[in-house]
Amino acid sequence: MTTTKEKLKQFLADDLLVAANGPDIQDHDDLLLSGLIDSLGVIRLITFIEEAFATHVPPEDVTIEHFGTLQAMANYLDGKQAA
């Protein structure tokens, strides 16, 4: 079974970070402040999350705290799915 983090990492590597030659994303790499994911990338990421995980991400939840790193995203989504 694929974990939340694995699904996110695969999407990031395949769809959002192609221009960066698909760097190996680590759990705590800063994705937003480093510029690896830009504002358009965040929109694509949220769309992917809502479709792949069948969950709504309200605008107020789109923060660096929740989406700054791969681990933060996985924790956020796992928390939403557990609720």
PDB file of N, CA and C in Angstrom:
ATOM      1  N   MET A   1       0.838  -1.187   0.000  1.00  0.00           N
ATOM      2  CA  MET A   1       0.000   0.000   0.000  1.00  0.00           C
ATOM      3  C   MET A   1       0.883   1.251   0.000  1.00  0.00           C
ATOM      4  N   THR A   2       0.540   2.191  -0.831  1.00  0.00           N
ATOM      5  CA  THR A   2       1.304   3.427  -0.944  1.00  0.00           C
ATOM      6  C   THR A   2       0.888   4.392   0.161  1.00  0.00           C
ATOM      7  N   THR A   3       1.873   4.971   0.831  1.00  0.00           N
ATOM      8  CA  THR A   3       1.576   5.913   1.896  1.00  0.00           C
ATOM      9  C   THR A   3       1.276   7.288   1.318  1.00  0.00           C
ATOM     10  N   THR A   4       0.713   8.134   2.153  1.00  0.00           N
ATOM     11  CA  THR A   4       0.435   9.517   1.781  1.00  0.00           C
ATOM     12  C   THR A   4       1.716  10.197   1.311  1.00  0.00           C
ATOM     13  N   LYS A   5       2.769  10.033   2.077  1.00  0.00           N
ATOM     14  CA  LYS A   5       4.042  10.680   1.744  1.00  0.00           C
ATOM     15  C   LYS A   5       4.575  10.179   0.404  1.00  0.00           C
ATOM     16  N   GLU A   6       4.469   8.892   0.145  1.00  0.00           N
ATOM     17  CA  GLU A   6       4.955   8.337  -1.119  1.00  0.00           C
ATOM     18  C   GLU A   6       4.179   8.896  -2.315  1.00  0.00           C
ATOM     19  N   LYS A   7       2.845   9.004  -2.181  1.00  0.00           N
ATOM     20  CA  LYS A   7       2.022   9.571  -3.254  1.00  0.00           C
ATOM     21  C   LYS A   7       2.416  11.025  -3.524  1.00  0.00           C
ATOM     22  N   LEU A   8       2.579  11.781  -2.456  1.00  0.00           N
ATOM     23  CA  LEU A   8       2.970  13.186  -2.608  1.00  0.00           C
ATOM     24  C   LEU A   8       4.345  13.309  -3.257  1.00  0.00           C
ATOM     25  N   LYS A   9       5.280  12.516  -2.795  1.00  0.00           N
ATOM     26  CA  LYS A   9       6.646  12.564  -3.327  1.00  0.00           C
ATOM     27  C   LYS A   9       6.653  12.215  -4.811  1.00  0.00           C
ATOM     28  N   GLN A  10       5.883  11.224  -5.199  1.00  0.00           N
ATOM     29  CA  GLN A  10       5.811  10.828  -6.605  1.00  0.00           C
ATOM     30  C   GLN A  10       5.242  11.955  -7.455  1.00  0.00           C
ATOM     31  N   PHE A  11       4.174  12.594  -6.983  1.00  0.00           N
ATOM     32  CA  PHE A  11       3.586  13.712  -7.728  1.00  0.00           C
ATOM     33  C   PHE A  11       4.576  14.861  -7.851  1.00  0.00           C
ATOM     34  N   LEU A  12       5.234  15.202  -6.753  1.00  0.00           N
ATOM     35  CA  LEU A  12       6.208  16.292  -6.785  1.00  0.00           C
ATOM     36  C   LEU A  12       7.324  15.988  -7.779  1.00  0.00           C
ATOM     37  N   ALA A  13       7.855  14.803  -7.726  1.00  0.00           N
ATOM     38  CA  ALA A  13       8.969  14.432  -8.602  1.00  0.00           C
ATOM     39  C   ALA A  13       8.547  14.373 -10.068  1.00  0.00           C
ATOM     40  N   ASP A  14       7.368  13.847 -10.334  1.00  0.00           N
ATOM     41  CA  ASP A  14       6.921  13.652 -11.715  1.00  0.00           C
ATOM     42  C   ASP A  14       6.317  14.893 -12.357  1.00  0.00           C
ATOM     43  N   ASP A  15       5.600  15.692 -11.571  1.00  0.00           N
ATOM     44  CA  ASP A  15       4.826  16.780 -12.155  1.00  0.00           C
ATOM     45  C   ASP A  15       5.316  18.185 -11.821  1.00  0.00           C
ATOM     46  N   LEU A  16       5.837  18.391 -10.644  1.00  0.00           N
ATOM     47  CA  LEU A  16       6.182  19.759 -10.253  1.00  0.00           C
ATOM     48  C   LEU A  16       7.666  20.076 -10.341  1.00  0.00           C
ATOM     49  N   LEU A  17       8.513  19.090 -10.200  1.00  0.00           N
ATOM     50  CA  LEU A  17       9.943  19.377 -10.134  1.00  0.00           C
ATOM     51  C   LEU A  17      10.708  18.913 -11.362  1.00  0.00           C
ATOM     52  N   VAL A  18      10.006  18.690 -12.468  1.00  0.00           N
ATOM     53  CA  VAL A  18      10.644  18.233 -13.695  1.00  0.00           C
ATOM     54  C   VAL A  18      11.686  19.243 -14.164  1.00  0.00           C
ATOM     55  N   ALA A  19      11.369  20.529 -14.079  1.00  0.00           N
ATOM     56  CA  ALA A  19      12.293  21.575 -14.536  1.00  0.00           C
ATOM     57  C   ALA A  19      13.580  21.562 -13.726  1.00  0.00           C
ATOM     58  N   ALA A  20      13.505  21.077 -12.522  1.00  0.00           N
ATOM     59  CA  ALA A  20      14.691  21.026 -11.657  1.00  0.00           C
ATOM     60  C   ALA A  20      15.402  19.678 -11.797  1.00  0.00           C
ATOM     61  N   ASN A  21      15.131  18.968 -12.890  1.00  0.00           N
ATOM     62  CA  ASN A  21      15.714  17.653 -13.149  1.00  0.00           C
ATOM     63  C   ASN A  21      15.383  16.646 -12.056  1.00  0.00           C
ATOM     64  N   GLY A  22      14.192  16.792 -11.490  1.00  0.00           N
ATOM     65  CA  GLY A  22      13.704  15.822 -10.521  1.00  0.00           C
ATOM     66  C   GLY A  22      14.616  15.558  -9.354  1.00  0.00           C
ATOM     67  N   PRO A  23      14.936  16.573  -8.549  1.00  0.00           N
ATOM     68  CA  PRO A  23      15.809  16.322  -7.403  1.00  0.00           C
ATOM     69  C   PRO A  23      15.176  15.315  -6.454  1.00  0.00           C
ATOM     70  N   ASP A  24      16.002  14.584  -5.748  1.00  0.00           N
ATOM     71  CA  ASP A  24      15.502  13.634  -4.771  1.00  0.00           C
ATOM     72  C   ASP A  24      15.002  14.428  -3.570  1.00  0.00           C
ATOM     73  N   ILE A  25      13.718  14.421  -3.367  1.00  0.00           N
ATOM     74  CA  ILE A  25      13.100  15.218  -2.311  1.00  0.00           C
ATOM     75  C   ILE A  25      13.211  14.484  -0.982  1.00  0.00           C
ATOM     76  N   GLN A  26      13.729  15.162  -0.003  1.00  0.00           N
ATOM     77  CA  GLN A  26      13.815  14.605   1.346  1.00  0.00           C
ATOM     78  C   GLN A  26      12.626  15.110   2.165  1.00  0.00           C
ATOM     79  N   ASP A  27      12.322  14.410   3.245  1.00  0.00           N
ATOM     80  CA  ASP A  27      11.146  14.718   4.058  1.00  0.00           C
ATOM     81  C   ASP A  27      11.106  16.159   4.554  1.00  0.00           C
ATOM     82  N   HIS A  28      12.242  16.724   4.872  1.00  0.00           N
ATOM     83  CA  HIS A  28      12.259  18.050   5.496  1.00  0.00           C
ATOM     84  C   HIS A  28      12.860  19.134   4.606  1.00  0.00           C
ATOM     85  N   ASP A  29      12.978  18.870   3.295  1.00  0.00           N
ATOM     86  CA  ASP A  29      13.443  19.898   2.362  1.00  0.00           C
ATOM     87  C   ASP A  29      12.417  21.020   2.301  1.00  0.00           C
ATOM     88  N   ASP A  30      12.890  22.251   2.309  1.00  0.00           N
ATOM     89  CA  ASP A  30      12.013  23.416   2.218  1.00  0.00           C
ATOM     90  C   ASP A  30      11.579  23.581   0.771  1.00  0.00           C
ATOM     91  N   LEU A  31      10.324  23.278   0.491  1.00  0.00           N
ATOM     92  CA  LEU A  31       9.831  23.293  -0.882  1.00  0.00           C
ATOM     93  C   LEU A  31       9.324  24.660  -1.320  1.00  0.00           C
ATOM     94  N   LEU A  32       8.763  25.428  -0.409  1.00  0.00           N
ATOM     95  CA  LEU A  32       8.170  26.713  -0.773  1.00  0.00           C
ATOM     96  C   LEU A  32       9.163  27.861  -0.703  1.00  0.00           C
ATOM     97  N   LEU A  33       9.800  28.025   0.430  1.00  0.00           N
ATOM     98  CA  LEU A  33      10.716  29.151   0.600  1.00  0.00           C
ATOM     99  C   LEU A  33      11.956  29.023  -0.275  1.00  0.00           C
ATOM    100  N   SER A  34      12.318  27.795  -0.639  1.00  0.00           N
ATOM    101  CA  SER A  34      13.484  27.578  -1.499  1.00  0.00           C
ATOM    102  C   SER A  34      13.164  27.865  -2.964  1.00  0.00           C
ATOM    103  N   GLY A  35      11.872  27.942  -3.284  1.00  0.00           N
ATOM    104  CA  GLY A  35      11.467  28.190  -4.661  1.00  0.00           C
ATOM    105  C   GLY A  35      11.294  26.933  -5.493  1.00  0.00           C
ATOM    106  N   LEU A  36      11.464  25.749  -4.903  1.00  0.00           N
ATOM    107  CA  LEU A  36      11.252  24.517  -5.659  1.00  0.00           C
ATOM    108  C   LEU A  36       9.813  24.420  -6.166  1.00  0.00           C
ATOM    109  N   ILE A  37       8.879  24.923  -5.364  1.00  0.00           N
ATOM    110  CA  ILE A  37       7.477  24.974  -5.784  1.00  0.00           C
ATOM    111  C   ILE A  37       7.051  26.431  -5.768  1.00  0.00           C
ATOM    112  N   ASP A  38       6.579  26.917  -6.913  1.00  0.00           N
ATOM    113  CA  ASP A  38       6.120  28.306  -6.996  1.00  0.00           C
ATOM    114  C   ASP A  38       4.609  28.370  -6.772  1.00  0.00           C
ATOM    115  N   SER A  39       4.034  29.549  -6.916  1.00  0.00           N
ATOM    116  CA  SER A  39       2.611  29.720  -6.617  1.00  0.00           C
ATOM    117  C   SER A  39       1.723  28.885  -7.536  1.00  0.00           C
ATOM    118  N   LEU A  40       2.074  28.787  -8.802  1.00  0.00           N
ATOM    119  CA  LEU A  40       1.306  27.937  -9.710  1.00  0.00           C
ATOM    120  C   LEU A  40       1.444  26.471  -9.312  1.00  0.00           C
ATOM    121  N   GLY A  41       2.623  26.097  -8.876  1.00  0.00           N
ATOM    122  CA  GLY A  41       2.851  24.738  -8.408  1.00  0.00           C
ATOM    123  C   GLY A  41       2.007  24.405  -7.193  1.00  0.00           C
ATOM    124  N   VAL A  42       1.826  25.377  -6.305  1.00  0.00           N
ATOM    125  CA  VAL A  42       0.985  25.167  -5.121  1.00  0.00           C
ATOM    126  C   VAL A  42      -0.448  24.889  -5.554  1.00  0.00           C
ATOM    127  N   ILE A  43      -0.927  25.622  -6.543  1.00  0.00           N
ATOM    128  CA  ILE A  43      -2.293  25.407  -7.036  1.00  0.00           C
ATOM    129  C   ILE A  43      -2.418  24.005  -7.623  1.00  0.00           C
ATOM    130  N   ARG A  44      -1.438  23.592  -8.410  1.00  0.00           N
ATOM    131  CA  ARG A  44      -1.460  22.238  -8.980  1.00  0.00           C
ATOM    132  C   ARG A  44      -1.384  21.181  -7.880  1.00  0.00           C
ATOM    133  N   LEU A  45      -0.574  21.439  -6.864  1.00  0.00           N
ATOM    134  CA  LEU A  45      -0.444  20.516  -5.743  1.00  0.00           C
ATOM    135  C   LEU A  45      -1.763  20.368  -4.998  1.00  0.00           C
ATOM    136  N   ILE A  46      -2.426  21.478  -4.718  1.00  0.00           N
ATOM    137  CA  ILE A  46      -3.712  21.431  -4.006  1.00  0.00           C
ATOM    138  C   ILE A  46      -4.746  20.670  -4.839  1.00  0.00           C
ATOM    139  N   THR A  47      -4.774  20.923  -6.135  1.00  0.00           N
ATOM    140  CA  THR A  47      -5.705  20.201  -7.014  1.00  0.00           C
ATOM    141  C   THR A  47      -5.432  18.700  -6.972  1.00  0.00           C
ATOM    142  N   PHE A  48      -4.159  18.328  -7.051  1.00  0.00           N
ATOM    143  CA  PHE A  48      -3.797  16.908  -6.959  1.00  0.00           C
ATOM    144  C   PHE A  48      -4.259  16.319  -5.630  1.00  0.00           C
ATOM    145  N   ILE A  49      -3.973  17.003  -4.532  1.00  0.00           N
ATOM    146  CA  ILE A  49      -4.337  16.505  -3.202  1.00  0.00           C
ATOM    147  C   ILE A  49      -5.840  16.301  -3.098  1.00  0.00           C
ATOM    148  N   GLU A  50      -6.611  17.290  -3.558  1.00  0.00           N
ATOM    149  CA  GLU A  50      -8.062  17.178  -3.442  1.00  0.00           C
ATOM    150  C   GLU A  50      -8.600  16.007  -4.258  1.00  0.00           C
ATOM    151  N   GLU A  51      -7.999  15.748  -5.413  1.00  0.00           N
ATOM    152  CA  GLU A  51      -8.460  14.631  -6.244  1.00  0.00           C
ATOM    153  C   GLU A  51      -7.936  13.287  -5.737  1.00  0.00           C
ATOM    154  N   ALA A  52      -6.652  13.206  -5.445  1.00  0.00           N
ATOM    155  CA  ALA A  52      -6.039  11.927  -5.063  1.00  0.00           C
ATOM    156  C   ALA A  52      -6.455  11.445  -3.683  1.00  0.00           C
ATOM    157  N   PHE A  53      -6.716  12.400  -2.769  1.00  0.00           N
ATOM    158  CA  PHE A  53      -7.030  12.027  -1.397  1.00  0.00           C
ATOM    159  C   PHE A  53      -8.490  12.301  -1.033  1.00  0.00           C
ATOM    160  N   ALA A  54      -9.268  12.741  -2.014  1.00  0.00           N
ATOM    161  CA  ALA A  54     -10.700  13.017  -1.813  1.00  0.00           C
ATOM    162  C   ALA A  54     -10.938  13.851  -0.560  1.00  0.00           C
ATOM    163  N   THR A  55     -10.185  14.942  -0.470  1.00  0.00           N
ATOM    164  CA  THR A  55     -10.333  15.830   0.680  1.00  0.00           C
ATOM    165  C   THR A  55     -10.253  17.273   0.215  1.00  0.00           C
ATOM    166  N   HIS A  56     -10.989  18.134   0.867  1.00  0.00           N
ATOM    167  CA  HIS A  56     -10.968  19.559   0.540  1.00  0.00           C
ATOM    168  C   HIS A  56      -9.887  20.250   1.360  1.00  0.00           C
ATOM    169  N   VAL A  57      -9.126  21.103   0.703  1.00  0.00           N
ATOM    170  CA  VAL A  57      -8.105  21.893   1.387  1.00  0.00           C
ATOM    171  C   VAL A  57      -8.566  23.349   1.351  1.00  0.00           C
ATOM    172  N   PRO A  58      -9.064  23.867   2.481  1.00  0.00           N
ATOM    173  CA  PRO A  58      -9.523  25.256   2.500  1.00  0.00           C
ATOM    174  C   PRO A  58      -8.342  26.216   2.363  1.00  0.00           C
ATOM    175  N   PRO A  59      -8.574  27.374   1.752  1.00  0.00           N
ATOM    176  CA  PRO A  59      -7.491  28.347   1.540  1.00  0.00           C
ATOM    177  C   PRO A  59      -6.712  28.695   2.804  1.00  0.00           C
ATOM    178  N   GLU A  60      -7.384  28.755   3.938  1.00  0.00           N
ATOM    179  CA  GLU A  60      -6.697  29.117   5.184  1.00  0.00           C
ATOM    180  C   GLU A  60      -5.722  28.037   5.660  1.00  0.00           C
ATOM    181  N   ASP A  61      -5.829  26.830   5.109  1.00  0.00           N
ATOM    182  CA  ASP A  61      -4.903  25.750   5.469  1.00  0.00           C
ATOM    183  C   ASP A  61      -3.647  25.732   4.597  1.00  0.00           C
ATOM    184  N   VAL A  62      -3.646  26.501   3.522  1.00  0.00           N
ATOM    185  CA  VAL A  62      -2.498  26.524   2.609  1.00  0.00           C
ATOM    186  C   VAL A  62      -1.452  27.474   3.201  1.00  0.00           C
ATOM    187  N   THR A  63      -0.668  26.921   4.120  1.00  0.00           N
ATOM    188  CA  THR A  63       0.349  27.693   4.825  1.00  0.00           C
ATOM    189  C   THR A  63       1.694  26.968   4.741  1.00  0.00           C
ATOM    190  N   ILE A  64       2.742  27.687   5.062  1.00  0.00           N
ATOM    191  CA  ILE A  64       4.066  27.067   5.099  1.00  0.00           C
ATOM    192  C   ILE A  64       4.088  25.961   6.142  1.00  0.00           C
ATOM    193  N   GLU A  65       3.357  26.158   7.225  1.00  0.00           N
ATOM    194  CA  GLU A  65       3.303  25.142   8.278  1.00  0.00           C
ATOM    195  C   GLU A  65       2.779  23.811   7.746  1.00  0.00           C
ATOM    196  N   HIS A  66       1.793  23.852   6.865  1.00  0.00           N
ATOM    197  CA  HIS A  66       1.190  22.631   6.332  1.00  0.00           C
ATOM    198  C   HIS A  66       1.816  22.155   5.028  1.00  0.00           C
ATOM    199  N   PHE A  67       2.406  23.061   4.249  1.00  0.00           N
ATOM    200  CA  PHE A  67       2.865  22.701   2.916  1.00  0.00           C
ATOM    201  C   PHE A  67       4.327  23.046   2.648  1.00  0.00           C
ATOM    202  N   GLY A  68       5.067  23.401   3.673  1.00  0.00           N
ATOM    203  CA  GLY A  68       6.466  23.787   3.492  1.00  0.00           C
ATOM    204  C   GLY A  68       7.396  22.639   3.170  1.00  0.00           C
ATOM    205  N   THR A  69       7.079  21.450   3.667  1.00  0.00           N
ATOM    206  CA  THR A  69       7.929  20.275   3.427  1.00  0.00           C
ATOM    207  C   THR A  69       7.055  19.074   3.095  1.00  0.00           C
ATOM    208  N   LEU A  70       7.674  18.067   2.552  1.00  0.00           N
ATOM    209  CA  LEU A  70       6.972  16.826   2.247  1.00  0.00           C
ATOM    210  C   LEU A  70       6.381  16.227   3.522  1.00  0.00           C
ATOM    211  N   GLN A  71       7.147  16.215   4.595  1.00  0.00           N
ATOM    212  CA  GLN A  71       6.678  15.659   5.859  1.00  0.00           C
ATOM    213  C   GLN A  71       5.492  16.458   6.412  1.00  0.00           C
ATOM    214  N   ALA A  72       5.557  17.785   6.308  1.00  0.00           N
ATOM    215  CA  ALA A  72       4.454  18.625   6.786  1.00  0.00           C
ATOM    216  C   ALA A  72       3.175  18.337   6.013  1.00  0.00           C
ATOM    217  N   MET A  73       3.295  18.167   4.701  1.00  0.00           N
ATOM    218  CA  MET A  73       2.113  17.849   3.885  1.00  0.00           C
ATOM    219  C   MET A  73       1.525  16.496   4.278  1.00  0.00           C
ATOM    220  N   ALA A  74       2.384  15.504   4.440  1.00  0.00           N
ATOM    221  CA  ALA A  74       1.913  14.164   4.815  1.00  0.00           C
ATOM    222  C   ALA A  74       1.233  14.202   6.181  1.00  0.00           C
ATOM    223  N   ASN A  75       1.822  14.919   7.125  1.00  0.00           N
ATOM    224  CA  ASN A  75       1.221  15.032   8.465  1.00  0.00           C
ATOM    225  C   ASN A  75      -0.142  15.720   8.389  1.00  0.00           C
ATOM    226  N   TYR A  76      -0.220  16.785   7.612  1.00  0.00           N
ATOM    227  CA  TYR A  76      -1.479  17.529   7.460  1.00  0.00           C
ATOM    228  C   TYR A  76      -2.559  16.613   6.879  1.00  0.00           C
ATOM    229  N   LEU A  77      -2.232  15.917   5.796  1.00  0.00           N
ATOM    230  CA  LEU A  77      -3.218  15.060   5.139  1.00  0.00           C
ATOM    231  C   LEU A  77      -3.603  13.868   6.006  1.00  0.00           C
ATOM    232  N   ASP A  78      -2.635  13.263   6.652  1.00  0.00           N
ATOM    233  CA  ASP A  78      -2.947  12.137   7.534  1.00  0.00           C
ATOM    234  C   ASP A  78      -3.860  12.596   8.668  1.00  0.00           C
ATOM    235  N   GLY A  79      -3.627  13.791   9.184  1.00  0.00           N
ATOM    236  CA  GLY A  79      -4.484  14.343  10.233  1.00  0.00           C
ATOM    237  C   GLY A  79      -5.894  14.600   9.744  1.00  0.00           C
ATOM    238  N   LYS A  80      -6.028  15.121   8.538  1.00  0.00           N
ATOM    239  CA  LYS A  80      -7.359  15.385   7.970  1.00  0.00           C
ATOM    240  C   LYS A  80      -8.104  14.082   7.729  1.00  0.00           C
ATOM    241  N   GLN A  81      -7.393  13.069   7.249  1.00  0.00           N
ATOM    242  CA  GLN A  81      -8.056  11.802   6.957  1.00  0.00           C
ATOM    243  C   GLN A  81      -8.440  11.047   8.221  1.00  0.00           C
ATOM    244  N   ALA A  82      -7.703  11.282   9.301  1.00  0.00           N
ATOM    245  CA  ALA A  82      -8.016  10.612  10.563  1.00  0.00           C
ATOM    246  C   ALA A  82      -9.208  11.258  11.257  1.00  0.00           C
ATOM    247  N   ALA A  83      -9.458  12.523  10.932  1.00  0.00           N
ATOM    248  CA  ALA A  83     -10.551  13.272  11.598  1.00  0.00           C
ATOM    249  C   ALA A  83     -11.916  12.866  11.072  1.00  0.00           C
TER     250      ALA A  83
END
